[in-house]
Amino acid sequence: MHYLGLENNPVMDRLLAMQVFTRIVELGGFGKAADSLGLPRASVTQLIKQLERHLGAQLLDQLRHRSPCLLYT
């Protein structure tokens, strides 16, 4: 990822991904979250994919690009 100068900091990427995830759930969609955060939609999708890989779980239904989230407990 080459946005906001965070490409060499995986911890910051994860923090940003968690913020993006929260915003997607709050606003009900990937596009709305991207717009509210001033990020390209492709970056939002990539951040969520990276977060899901890191956690080993699917968090959101990306085929529909909206919540509800599929949280696993």
Protein backbone atom coordinates (compact mmCIF):
# COMPACT_ATOMS: atom_id res chain seq x y z
CA MET A 1 0.00 0.00 0.00
CA HIS A 2 1.29 3.44 -0.86
CA TYR A 3 -1.02 5.87 0.87
CA LEU A 4 -0.44 8.30 3.71
CA GLY A 5 3.22 7.24 3.92
CA LEU A 6 2.39 4.12 5.93
CA GLU A 7 3.62 1.48 3.50
CA ASN A 8 6.54 0.48 5.76
CA ASN A 9 4.64 0.40 9.04
CA PRO A 10 2.42 -2.69 9.43
CA VAL A 11 1.25 -1.62 12.90
CA MET A 12 -0.04 1.68 11.55
CA ASP A 13 -1.62 -0.14 8.61
CA ARG A 14 -3.50 -2.36 11.07
CA LEU A 15 -4.62 0.60 13.12
CA LEU A 16 -5.87 2.34 9.99
CA ALA A 17 -7.57 -0.90 8.90
CA MET A 18 -9.37 -1.09 12.26
CA GLN A 19 -10.49 2.52 11.88
CA VAL A 20 -11.72 1.77 8.35
CA PHE A 21 -13.54 -1.35 9.58
CA THR A 22 -15.27 0.67 12.30
CA ARG A 23 -16.30 3.35 9.82
CA ILE A 24 -17.69 0.74 7.38
CA VAL A 25 -19.87 -0.70 10.13
CA GLU A 26 -20.94 2.75 11.36
CA LEU A 27 -21.83 4.08 7.92
CA GLY A 28 -23.03 0.84 6.36
CA GLY A 29 -20.76 0.58 3.35
CA PHE A 30 -17.27 0.55 1.90
CA GLY A 31 -17.87 3.55 -0.36
CA LYS A 32 -19.32 5.71 2.39
CA ALA A 33 -16.41 4.83 4.67
CA ALA A 34 -13.86 5.63 1.96
CA ASP A 35 -15.49 8.97 1.23
CA SER A 36 -15.69 9.93 4.92
CA LEU A 37 -12.02 9.05 5.48
CA GLY A 38 -10.79 10.63 2.26
CA LEU A 39 -9.34 7.35 1.02
CA PRO A 40 -9.68 5.69 -2.37
CA ARG A 41 -12.23 2.88 -2.34
CA ALA A 42 -9.58 0.42 -3.55
CA SER A 43 -7.44 1.27 -0.50
CA VAL A 44 -10.36 0.62 1.84
CA THR A 45 -10.95 -2.77 0.23
CA GLN A 46 -7.26 -3.67 0.46
CA LEU A 47 -7.05 -2.62 4.11
CA ILE A 48 -10.01 -4.81 5.02
CA LYS A 49 -8.56 -7.77 3.10
CA GLN A 50 -5.25 -7.33 4.94
CA LEU A 51 -7.02 -7.12 8.30
CA GLU A 52 -9.04 -10.24 7.53
CA ARG A 53 -5.87 -12.12 6.55
CA HIS A 54 -4.13 -10.96 9.72
CA LEU A 55 -7.06 -12.10 11.90
CA GLY A 56 -7.79 -15.24 9.89
CA ALA A 57 -11.49 -14.42 9.67
CA GLN A 58 -13.93 -12.84 7.26
CA LEU A 59 -15.24 -9.65 8.86
CA LEU A 60 -17.41 -8.17 6.14
CA ASP A 61 -19.44 -9.33 3.18
CA GLN A 62 -17.28 -7.77 0.48
CA LEU A 63 -19.37 -9.14 -2.35
CA ARG A 64 -22.17 -6.82 -1.30
CA HIS A 65 -19.76 -4.11 -0.03
CA ARG A 66 -21.86 -3.44 3.04
CA SER A 67 -22.51 -4.49 6.61
CA PRO A 68 -23.72 -6.27 8.67
CA CYS A 69 -20.36 -7.57 9.66
CA LEU A 70 -19.84 -11.26 10.14
CA LEU A 71 -17.98 -11.22 13.43
CA TYR A 72 -16.77 -14.50 14.84
CA THR A 73 -16.59 -15.04 18.56
